[in-house]
Amino acid sequence: MNSYDRVIQLVYEAIADINTTLAPGNALPLSVDTVLTGGGRLDSLAFLKLAIGIEERIERTFRRTVSILETALAGDDAETLTVAALAERVARVLDRVPA
């Protein structure tokens, strides 16, 4: 499994955890098209919790530290960040940082 696919799985795991804290009907779909920022269903606190959950999973899996907030804000589409866009950015960071 390449780093992008693995990051997608880790994001889905973090979303599943966040979904347990959201009001009924506000659960995020486990989809690469799910919008995480800019019109999504998460308020800023929920997004922060999601980011921390993703960071912890990445650190355990890849033994590397990646700032999800910095990575999320790194692209042109930061206002409407999807799972796929975030995973692509994180995978690029992971692929260029030596183990």
Protein backbone atom coordinates (compact mmCIF):
# COMPACT_ATOMS: atom_id res chain seq x y z
CA MET A 1 0.00 0.00 0.00
CA ASN A 2 1.48 3.37 -0.95
CA SER A 3 1.61 6.32 1.44
CA TYR A 4 -1.43 8.05 -0.12
CA ASP A 5 -3.65 4.98 0.31
CA ARG A 6 -2.41 4.44 3.85
CA VAL A 7 -3.07 8.08 4.76
CA ILE A 8 -6.61 7.77 3.35
CA GLN A 9 -7.20 4.82 5.70
CA LEU A 10 -5.82 6.77 8.67
CA VAL A 11 -8.03 9.76 7.86
CA TYR A 12 -11.05 7.45 7.65
CA GLU A 13 -10.18 6.00 11.07
CA ALA A 14 -9.95 9.50 12.55
CA ILE A 15 -13.25 10.48 10.90
CA ALA A 16 -14.92 7.39 12.37
CA ASP A 17 -13.75 8.50 15.83
CA ILE A 18 -14.99 12.07 15.30
CA ASN A 19 -18.33 10.79 14.01
CA THR A 20 -19.03 9.29 17.45
CA THR A 21 -18.94 12.82 18.91
CA LEU A 22 -21.10 14.54 16.29
CA ALA A 23 -24.82 15.12 16.51
CA PRO A 24 -26.98 12.56 14.72
CA GLY A 25 -27.21 13.38 11.03
CA ASN A 26 -23.91 15.27 11.03
CA ALA A 27 -21.62 12.28 10.61
CA LEU A 28 -18.98 12.66 7.92
CA PRO A 29 -19.05 10.12 5.10
CA LEU A 30 -15.96 7.97 4.65
CA SER A 31 -15.25 9.24 1.15
CA VAL A 32 -12.32 10.89 -0.59
CA ASP A 33 -14.77 13.64 -1.61
CA THR A 34 -15.77 14.49 1.98
CA VAL A 35 -15.23 18.20 2.63
CA LEU A 36 -13.27 18.82 5.82
CA THR A 37 -13.02 22.62 5.74
CA GLY A 38 -15.01 25.37 4.09
CA GLY A 39 -18.63 24.35 4.06
CA GLY A 40 -18.17 20.96 5.64
CA ARG A 41 -19.98 19.69 8.69
CA LEU A 42 -17.12 20.28 11.12
CA ASP A 43 -16.78 23.35 13.28
CA SER A 44 -13.27 24.55 14.11
CA LEU A 45 -13.03 22.53 17.34
CA ALA A 46 -14.15 19.31 15.64
CA PHE A 47 -11.65 19.90 12.81
CA LEU A 48 -8.89 20.44 15.38
CA LYS A 49 -9.79 17.15 17.08
CA LEU A 50 -9.80 15.42 13.70
CA ALA A 51 -6.40 16.90 12.86
CA ILE A 52 -4.94 15.68 16.15
CA GLY A 53 -6.38 12.21 15.55
CA ILE A 54 -4.84 12.08 12.09
CA GLU A 55 -1.47 13.33 13.37
CA GLU A 56 -1.38 10.67 16.10
CA ARG A 57 -2.18 7.92 13.60
CA ILE A 58 0.45 9.15 11.16
CA GLU A 59 3.07 9.26 13.89
CA ARG A 60 2.25 5.71 15.03
CA THR A 61 2.14 4.33 11.49
CA PHE A 62 4.97 6.19 9.77
CA ARG A 63 7.03 7.16 12.84
CA ARG A 64 7.06 10.73 11.52
CA THR A 65 5.47 13.96 12.64
CA VAL A 66 3.30 15.89 10.20
CA SER A 67 1.35 19.03 11.11
CA ILE A 68 -2.11 18.52 9.68
CA LEU A 69 -3.03 22.18 10.17
CA GLU A 70 0.03 23.39 8.26
CA THR A 71 -0.51 20.77 5.58
CA ALA A 72 -4.22 21.64 5.28
CA LEU A 73 -3.42 25.32 4.76
CA ALA A 74 -0.62 24.66 2.27
CA GLY A 75 -2.71 24.52 -0.90
CA ASP A 76 -4.90 26.78 -2.97
CA ASP A 77 -8.05 24.89 -2.02
CA ALA A 78 -7.62 25.24 1.74
CA GLU A 79 -11.11 26.74 1.97
CA THR A 80 -12.71 23.54 0.62
CA LEU A 81 -10.27 20.86 1.68
CA THR A 82 -11.37 17.31 0.93
CA VAL A 83 -10.09 14.03 2.33
CA ALA A 84 -8.34 13.33 -0.99
CA ALA A 85 -6.59 16.73 -1.09
CA LEU A 86 -5.41 16.39 2.50
CA ALA A 87 -4.16 12.83 1.95
CA GLU A 88 -2.29 13.88 -1.18
CA ARG A 89 -0.54 16.72 0.67
CA VAL A 90 0.33 14.52 3.64
CA ALA A 91 1.64 11.76 1.34
CA ARG A 92 3.89 14.27 -0.43
CA VAL A 93 5.32 15.36 2.92
CA LEU A 94 5.84 11.76 4.02
CA ASP A 95 7.46 10.80 0.72
CA ARG A 96 10.01 13.59 0.88
CA VAL A 97 10.94 13.32 4.58
CA PRO A 98 13.57 10.64 5.24
CA ALA A 99 12.61 7.89 7.67
